[in-house]
């Protein structure tokens, strides 16, 4: 299992009239979590697209709202990979406020697509190699 934490402050422009993080912005927080989790592994989305010629479009997302994040809160974005990716990569998310209260849970599934063909393709070896140590004991 691979777990990574990223942090983001709720800005005024992201809130609704109640001062809550607008529900449509949670997908952006998940993206921050995904991008930073991969970056911590040494993989940048840009490199996957430019060097590996692989894109990662979102094909499914679920969100469960528990409590609101509020203006100026620092949100901890816990990003979890519970299984080694196959044709798809499944990220789970837990968002917490500064008091470590669970705000939100979600899942996002992306698939690997070749930039050359526009069709699904296997996970790039560079990503497999970086994730393997986190899942080796499961085999």
N, C-alpha and C. Protein backbone atom coordinates (compact mmCIF):
# COMPACT_ATOMS: atom_id res chain seq x y z
N UNK A 1 0.85 -1.17 0.00
CA UNK A 1 0.00 0.00 0.00
C UNK A 1 0.90 1.23 0.00
N UNK A 2 0.50 2.21 -0.76
CA UNK A 2 1.25 3.47 -0.82
C UNK A 2 0.35 4.59 -0.31
N UNK A 3 0.84 5.37 0.64
CA UNK A 3 0.08 6.47 1.23
C UNK A 3 0.93 7.74 1.18
N UNK A 4 0.30 8.84 0.79
CA UNK A 4 0.99 10.13 0.73
C UNK A 4 0.05 11.21 1.27
N UNK A 5 0.62 12.21 1.95
CA UNK A 5 -0.15 13.34 2.44
C UNK A 5 0.33 14.62 1.78
N UNK A 6 -0.62 15.41 1.33
CA UNK A 6 -0.36 16.75 0.79
C UNK A 6 -1.26 17.71 1.54
N UNK A 7 -0.93 18.98 1.47
CA UNK A 7 -1.69 19.98 2.21
C UNK A 7 -2.07 21.14 1.29
N UNK A 8 -3.27 21.66 1.51
CA UNK A 8 -3.73 22.80 0.72
C UNK A 8 -4.66 23.65 1.58
N UNK A 9 -4.47 24.96 1.50
CA UNK A 9 -5.33 25.90 2.24
C UNK A 9 -6.54 26.27 1.38
N UNK A 10 -7.71 26.28 1.99
CA UNK A 10 -8.93 26.68 1.30
C UNK A 10 -8.89 28.19 1.09
N UNK A 11 -8.97 28.62 -0.17
CA UNK A 11 -8.93 30.05 -0.48
C UNK A 11 -10.34 30.62 -0.51
N UNK A 12 -10.43 31.92 -0.39
CA UNK A 12 -11.72 32.60 -0.42
C UNK A 12 -12.47 32.32 -1.72
N UNK A 13 -11.73 32.32 -2.82
CA UNK A 13 -12.34 32.10 -4.13
C UNK A 13 -12.88 30.69 -4.33
N UNK A 14 -12.52 29.76 -3.46
CA UNK A 14 -13.01 28.38 -3.56
C UNK A 14 -14.27 28.15 -2.73
N UNK A 15 -14.71 29.15 -2.00
CA UNK A 15 -15.83 28.94 -1.09
C UNK A 15 -17.15 29.44 -1.66
N UNK A 16 -18.23 28.92 -1.09
CA UNK A 16 -19.57 29.36 -1.47
C UNK A 16 -20.02 30.45 -0.49
N UNK A 17 -21.25 30.86 -0.55
CA UNK A 17 -21.75 31.95 0.30
C UNK A 17 -21.73 31.60 1.78
N UNK A 18 -21.68 30.29 2.10
CA UNK A 18 -21.65 29.87 3.50
C UNK A 18 -20.22 29.86 4.05
N UNK A 19 -19.24 30.11 3.17
CA UNK A 19 -17.84 30.04 3.60
C UNK A 19 -17.27 28.64 3.56
N UNK A 20 -18.03 27.71 2.93
CA UNK A 20 -17.60 26.32 2.81
C UNK A 20 -16.90 26.12 1.47
N UNK A 21 -15.96 25.19 1.45
CA UNK A 21 -15.34 24.82 0.19
C UNK A 21 -16.45 24.32 -0.74
N UNK A 22 -16.59 24.96 -1.89
CA UNK A 22 -17.63 24.60 -2.85
C UNK A 22 -17.43 23.16 -3.30
N UNK A 23 -18.50 22.39 -3.37
CA UNK A 23 -18.39 20.95 -3.62
C UNK A 23 -17.66 20.62 -4.92
N UNK A 24 -17.76 21.46 -5.93
CA UNK A 24 -17.10 21.20 -7.20
C UNK A 24 -15.58 21.26 -7.13
N UNK A 25 -15.03 21.84 -6.09
CA UNK A 25 -13.57 21.96 -5.96
C UNK A 25 -12.90 20.72 -5.37
N UNK A 26 -13.69 19.80 -4.81
CA UNK A 26 -13.08 18.62 -4.21
C UNK A 26 -12.30 17.79 -5.23
N UNK A 27 -12.76 17.74 -6.46
CA UNK A 27 -12.03 17.02 -7.51
C UNK A 27 -10.64 17.63 -7.72
N UNK A 28 -10.53 18.95 -7.58
CA UNK A 28 -9.21 19.60 -7.69
C UNK A 28 -8.30 19.20 -6.54
N UNK A 29 -8.86 19.07 -5.36
CA UNK A 29 -8.06 18.64 -4.21
C UNK A 29 -7.57 17.21 -4.42
N UNK A 30 -8.42 16.37 -5.00
CA UNK A 30 -8.00 15.01 -5.31
C UNK A 30 -6.87 15.02 -6.34
N UNK A 31 -6.97 15.92 -7.30
CA UNK A 31 -5.90 16.01 -8.30
C UNK A 31 -4.58 16.43 -7.66
N UNK A 32 -4.64 17.38 -6.75
CA UNK A 32 -3.43 17.78 -6.02
C UNK A 32 -2.84 16.56 -5.31
N UNK A 33 -3.69 15.79 -4.66
CA UNK A 33 -3.23 14.59 -3.96
C UNK A 33 -2.57 13.60 -4.90
N UNK A 34 -3.20 13.34 -6.05
CA UNK A 34 -2.63 12.39 -7.03
C UNK A 34 -1.29 12.87 -7.57
N UNK A 35 -1.27 14.11 -8.00
CA UNK A 35 -0.05 14.66 -8.61
C UNK A 35 1.10 14.66 -7.61
N UNK A 36 0.84 15.07 -6.38
CA UNK A 36 1.90 15.13 -5.39
C UNK A 36 2.33 13.75 -4.92
N UNK A 37 1.40 12.80 -4.88
CA UNK A 37 1.75 11.42 -4.51
C UNK A 37 2.70 10.82 -5.56
N UNK A 38 2.40 11.04 -6.82
CA UNK A 38 3.28 10.54 -7.88
C UNK A 38 4.61 11.29 -7.89
N UNK A 39 4.55 12.60 -7.66
CA UNK A 39 5.79 13.40 -7.62
C UNK A 39 6.72 12.90 -6.52
N UNK A 40 6.16 12.53 -5.37
CA UNK A 40 6.97 12.01 -4.27
C UNK A 40 7.68 10.72 -4.68
N UNK A 41 7.06 9.96 -5.58
CA UNK A 41 7.68 8.75 -6.10
C UNK A 41 8.76 9.06 -7.15
N UNK A 42 8.82 10.32 -7.59
CA UNK A 42 9.77 10.70 -8.63
C UNK A 42 9.18 10.69 -10.02
N UNK A 43 7.86 10.72 -10.10
CA UNK A 43 7.18 10.70 -11.40
C UNK A 43 6.31 11.94 -11.53
N UNK A 44 6.50 12.66 -12.64
CA UNK A 44 5.67 13.83 -12.91
C UNK A 44 4.68 13.49 -14.03
N UNK A 45 3.46 13.99 -13.91
CA UNK A 45 2.47 13.78 -14.97
C UNK A 45 3.05 14.23 -16.32
N UNK A 46 3.72 15.36 -16.31
CA UNK A 46 4.29 15.90 -17.55
C UNK A 46 5.23 14.89 -18.20
N UNK A 47 6.06 14.25 -17.39
CA UNK A 47 7.00 13.27 -17.93
C UNK A 47 6.27 12.04 -18.46
N UNK A 48 5.20 11.63 -17.78
CA UNK A 48 4.43 10.49 -18.26
C UNK A 48 3.88 10.80 -19.66
N UNK A 49 3.39 12.02 -19.85
CA UNK A 49 2.82 12.39 -21.14
C UNK A 49 3.90 12.62 -22.19
N UNK A 50 4.95 13.37 -21.82
CA UNK A 50 5.98 13.74 -22.80
C UNK A 50 6.96 12.62 -23.09
N UNK A 51 7.44 11.95 -22.07
CA UNK A 51 8.48 10.94 -22.25
C UNK A 51 7.92 9.53 -22.45
N UNK A 52 6.90 9.18 -21.68
CA UNK A 52 6.32 7.84 -21.77
C UNK A 52 5.19 7.78 -22.79
N UNK A 53 4.71 8.96 -23.22
CA UNK A 53 3.60 9.04 -24.19
C UNK A 53 2.34 8.36 -23.67
N UNK A 54 2.10 8.53 -22.35
CA UNK A 54 0.93 7.94 -21.70
C UNK A 54 0.16 9.03 -20.98
N UNK A 55 -1.15 9.06 -21.21
CA UNK A 55 -2.04 10.00 -20.52
C UNK A 55 -2.87 9.22 -19.50
N UNK A 56 -3.42 9.94 -18.54
CA UNK A 56 -4.21 9.33 -17.48
C UNK A 56 -5.57 10.03 -17.34
N UNK A 57 -6.52 9.74 -18.22
CA UNK A 57 -7.83 10.36 -18.05
C UNK A 57 -8.62 9.71 -16.91
N UNK A 58 -9.42 10.52 -16.25
CA UNK A 58 -10.31 10.02 -15.19
C UNK A 58 -11.47 9.31 -15.87
N UNK A 59 -11.78 8.10 -15.36
CA UNK A 59 -12.92 7.36 -15.92
C UNK A 59 -14.03 7.13 -14.88
N UNK A 60 -13.72 7.39 -13.60
CA UNK A 60 -14.75 7.21 -12.57
C UNK A 60 -14.34 8.00 -11.33
N UNK A 61 -15.34 8.59 -10.66
CA UNK A 61 -15.07 9.31 -9.42
C UNK A 61 -16.29 9.19 -8.51
N UNK A 62 -16.02 8.98 -7.22
CA UNK A 62 -17.07 8.98 -6.20
C UNK A 62 -16.63 9.88 -5.06
N UNK A 63 -17.57 10.60 -4.49
CA UNK A 63 -17.28 11.52 -3.39
C UNK A 63 -18.32 11.35 -2.30
N UNK A 64 -17.86 11.33 -1.05
CA UNK A 64 -18.76 11.26 0.10
C UNK A 64 -18.42 12.44 1.01
N UNK A 65 -19.36 13.34 1.18
CA UNK A 65 -19.15 14.54 1.99
C UNK A 65 -19.57 14.26 3.43
N UNK A 66 -18.66 14.50 4.37
CA UNK A 66 -18.93 14.25 5.79
C UNK A 66 -19.12 15.56 6.56
N UNK A 67 -18.14 16.46 6.41
CA UNK A 67 -18.15 17.79 7.06
C UNK A 67 -17.62 18.79 6.03
N UNK A 68 -17.96 20.04 6.19
CA UNK A 68 -17.44 21.02 5.24
C UNK A 68 -16.02 21.46 5.59
N UNK A 69 -15.23 21.67 4.56
CA UNK A 69 -13.98 22.41 4.73
C UNK A 69 -14.37 23.87 4.64
N UNK A 70 -13.72 24.72 5.41
CA UNK A 70 -14.11 26.12 5.48
C UNK A 70 -12.97 27.02 5.02
N UNK A 71 -13.36 28.24 4.69
CA UNK A 71 -12.39 29.24 4.27
C UNK A 71 -11.21 29.31 5.24
N UNK A 72 -10.01 29.27 4.71
CA UNK A 72 -8.73 29.39 5.41
C UNK A 72 -8.31 28.12 6.15
N UNK A 73 -9.11 27.06 6.10
CA UNK A 73 -8.69 25.78 6.67
C UNK A 73 -7.50 25.23 5.88
N UNK A 74 -6.62 24.56 6.57
CA UNK A 74 -5.58 23.79 5.89
C UNK A 74 -6.09 22.36 5.84
N UNK A 75 -6.25 21.85 4.63
CA UNK A 75 -6.79 20.51 4.42
C UNK A 75 -5.64 19.54 4.14
N UNK A 76 -5.65 18.45 4.89
CA UNK A 76 -4.69 17.37 4.61
C UNK A 76 -5.35 16.41 3.65
N UNK A 77 -4.68 16.19 2.52
CA UNK A 77 -5.18 15.31 1.48
C UNK A 77 -4.40 14.01 1.57
N UNK A 78 -5.03 12.99 2.12
CA UNK A 78 -4.40 11.67 2.21
C UNK A 78 -4.76 10.89 0.95
N UNK A 79 -3.74 10.52 0.20
CA UNK A 79 -3.92 9.79 -1.05
C UNK A 79 -3.40 8.37 -0.85
N UNK A 80 -4.21 7.39 -1.23
CA UNK A 80 -3.88 5.99 -0.95
C UNK A 80 -4.04 5.15 -2.22
N UNK A 81 -3.03 4.34 -2.48
CA UNK A 81 -3.13 3.28 -3.47
C UNK A 81 -3.13 1.97 -2.69
N UNK A 82 -4.25 1.27 -2.70
CA UNK A 82 -4.36 0.04 -1.91
C UNK A 82 -3.95 -1.20 -2.70
N UNK A 83 -3.83 -1.06 -4.01
CA UNK A 83 -3.44 -2.20 -4.85
C UNK A 83 -2.56 -1.73 -5.99
N UNK A 84 -1.74 -2.63 -6.46
CA UNK A 84 -0.88 -2.35 -7.60
C UNK A 84 -1.77 -2.11 -8.82
N UNK A 85 -1.56 -1.02 -9.53
CA UNK A 85 -2.38 -0.75 -10.71
C UNK A 85 -2.24 -1.84 -11.78
N UNK A 86 -3.31 -2.01 -12.52
CA UNK A 86 -3.32 -2.90 -13.67
C UNK A 86 -3.54 -2.05 -14.91
N UNK A 87 -4.67 -2.26 -15.56
CA UNK A 87 -5.03 -1.40 -16.71
C UNK A 87 -5.49 -0.03 -16.23
N UNK A 88 -5.98 0.00 -15.01
CA UNK A 88 -6.45 1.25 -14.40
C UNK A 88 -5.67 1.48 -13.11
N UNK A 89 -5.75 2.70 -12.61
CA UNK A 89 -5.14 3.03 -11.33
C UNK A 89 -6.23 3.65 -10.45
N UNK A 90 -6.41 3.08 -9.26
CA UNK A 90 -7.49 3.48 -8.35
C UNK A 90 -6.90 4.21 -7.14
N UNK A 91 -7.24 5.48 -7.02
CA UNK A 91 -6.79 6.28 -5.89
C UNK A 91 -7.95 6.43 -4.91
N UNK A 92 -7.65 6.31 -3.62
CA UNK A 92 -8.61 6.62 -2.56
C UNK A 92 -8.13 7.87 -1.84
N UNK A 93 -9.06 8.66 -1.35
CA UNK A 93 -8.72 9.92 -0.69
C UNK A 93 -9.49 10.07 0.61
N UNK A 94 -8.80 10.62 1.60
CA UNK A 94 -9.41 11.08 2.84
C UNK A 94 -8.93 12.50 3.04
N UNK A 95 -9.87 13.42 3.22
CA UNK A 95 -9.52 14.81 3.47
C UNK A 95 -9.84 15.13 4.93
N UNK A 96 -8.87 15.74 5.60
CA UNK A 96 -8.99 16.06 7.03
C UNK A 96 -8.78 17.55 7.25
N UNK A 97 -9.44 18.10 8.30
CA UNK A 97 -9.16 19.48 8.67
C UNK A 97 -8.00 19.51 9.66
N UNK A 98 -7.70 20.70 10.16
CA UNK A 98 -6.56 20.87 11.06
C UNK A 98 -6.75 20.16 12.40
N UNK A 99 -7.99 19.85 12.75
CA UNK A 99 -8.26 19.11 13.99
C UNK A 99 -8.29 17.61 13.74
N UNK A 100 -7.87 17.21 12.55
CA UNK A 100 -7.83 15.81 12.12
C UNK A 100 -9.22 15.18 12.05
N UNK A 101 -10.22 16.01 11.82
CA UNK A 101 -11.59 15.53 11.61
C UNK A 101 -11.76 15.20 10.14
N UNK A 102 -12.34 14.02 9.86
CA UNK A 102 -12.56 13.59 8.49
C UNK A 102 -13.62 14.47 7.84
N UNK A 103 -13.26 15.08 6.72
CA UNK A 103 -14.18 15.97 6.00
C UNK A 103 -14.85 15.27 4.82
N UNK A 104 -14.08 14.41 4.17
CA UNK A 104 -14.50 13.94 2.87
C UNK A 104 -13.74 12.68 2.53
N UNK A 105 -14.40 11.75 1.85
CA UNK A 105 -13.71 10.58 1.30
C UNK A 105 -14.07 10.49 -0.17
N UNK A 106 -13.20 9.87 -0.92
CA UNK A 106 -13.49 9.72 -2.34
C UNK A 106 -12.59 8.70 -2.99
N UNK A 107 -12.98 8.33 -4.19
CA UNK A 107 -12.15 7.47 -5.02
C UNK A 107 -12.15 8.05 -6.43
N UNK A 108 -11.01 7.89 -7.08
CA UNK A 108 -10.88 8.30 -8.47
C UNK A 108 -10.16 7.18 -9.20
N UNK A 109 -10.72 6.78 -10.33
CA UNK A 109 -10.10 5.77 -11.18
C UNK A 109 -9.68 6.43 -12.48
N UNK A 110 -8.43 6.19 -12.84
CA UNK A 110 -7.89 6.68 -14.10
C UNK A 110 -7.44 5.47 -14.91
N UNK A 111 -7.33 5.64 -16.21
CA UNK A 111 -6.84 4.57 -17.05
C UNK A 111 -5.64 5.07 -17.84
N UNK A 112 -4.82 4.16 -18.28
CA UNK A 112 -3.62 4.49 -19.05
C UNK A 112 -4.00 4.50 -20.53
N UNK A 113 -3.69 5.61 -21.21
CA UNK A 113 -4.02 5.77 -22.62
C UNK A 113 -2.77 6.23 -23.37
N UNK A 114 -2.49 5.57 -24.47
CA UNK A 114 -1.36 5.94 -25.32
C UNK A 114 -1.65 7.25 -26.05
N UNK A 115 -0.72 8.19 -25.99
CA UNK A 115 -0.87 9.43 -26.75
C UNK A 115 -0.80 9.16 -28.24
N UNK A 116 -0.07 8.16 -28.63
CA UNK A 116 0.12 7.84 -30.05
C UNK A 116 -1.15 7.28 -30.69
N UNK A 117 -1.83 6.37 -29.95
CA UNK A 117 -2.98 5.68 -30.54
C UNK A 117 -4.31 6.16 -30.01
N UNK A 118 -4.31 6.79 -28.83
CA UNK A 118 -5.56 7.18 -28.19
C UNK A 118 -6.30 6.01 -27.56
N UNK A 119 -5.63 4.86 -27.48
CA UNK A 119 -6.26 3.66 -26.92
C UNK A 119 -5.61 3.29 -25.59
N UNK A 120 -6.33 2.49 -24.81
CA UNK A 120 -5.80 2.03 -23.53
C UNK A 120 -4.50 1.27 -23.76
N UNK A 121 -3.63 1.40 -22.78
CA UNK A 121 -2.33 0.74 -22.86
C UNK A 121 -1.91 0.28 -21.47
N UNK A 122 -0.87 -0.52 -21.37
CA UNK A 122 -0.40 -0.97 -20.05
C UNK A 122 0.20 0.19 -19.26
N UNK A 123 0.27 -0.01 -17.96
CA UNK A 123 0.94 0.94 -17.09
C UNK A 123 2.40 1.06 -17.53
N UNK A 124 2.94 2.28 -17.58
CA UNK A 124 4.35 2.44 -17.95
C UNK A 124 5.26 1.73 -16.95
N UNK A 125 6.34 1.16 -17.46
CA UNK A 125 7.29 0.45 -16.60
C UNK A 125 7.86 1.34 -15.51
N UNK A 126 8.08 2.63 -15.82
CA UNK A 126 8.65 3.54 -14.82
C UNK A 126 7.74 3.65 -13.60
N UNK A 127 6.44 3.68 -13.81
CA UNK A 127 5.50 3.75 -12.69
C UNK A 127 5.46 2.42 -11.95
N UNK A 128 5.43 1.32 -12.69
CA UNK A 128 5.44 -0.01 -12.07
C UNK A 128 6.67 -0.17 -11.18
N UNK A 129 7.83 0.22 -11.70
CA UNK A 129 9.08 0.08 -10.94
C UNK A 129 9.07 0.89 -9.65
N UNK A 130 8.48 2.09 -9.69
CA UNK A 130 8.43 2.95 -8.50
C UNK A 130 7.44 2.42 -7.46
N UNK A 131 6.36 1.79 -7.91
CA UNK A 131 5.33 1.30 -6.98
C UNK A 131 5.62 -0.09 -6.44
N UNK A 132 6.39 -0.87 -7.17
CA UNK A 132 6.63 -2.25 -6.80
C UNK A 132 7.08 -2.44 -5.35
N UNK A 133 8.00 -1.62 -4.82
CA UNK A 133 8.42 -1.82 -3.42
C UNK A 133 7.27 -1.71 -2.41
N UNK A 134 6.24 -0.95 -2.74
CA UNK A 134 5.11 -0.77 -1.82
C UNK A 134 4.14 -1.94 -1.85
N UNK A 135 4.23 -2.76 -2.90
CA UNK A 135 3.29 -3.87 -3.06
C UNK A 135 4.00 -5.22 -3.13
N UNK A 136 5.32 -5.24 -3.06
CA UNK A 136 6.09 -6.49 -3.20
C UNK A 136 5.70 -7.51 -2.14
N UNK A 137 5.47 -7.09 -0.91
CA UNK A 137 5.14 -8.04 0.16
C UNK A 137 3.77 -8.66 -0.04
N UNK A 138 2.94 -8.12 -0.91
CA UNK A 138 1.61 -8.67 -1.15
C UNK A 138 1.66 -9.84 -2.12
N UNK A 139 2.74 -9.98 -2.86
CA UNK A 139 2.83 -11.05 -3.87
C UNK A 139 3.31 -12.35 -3.26
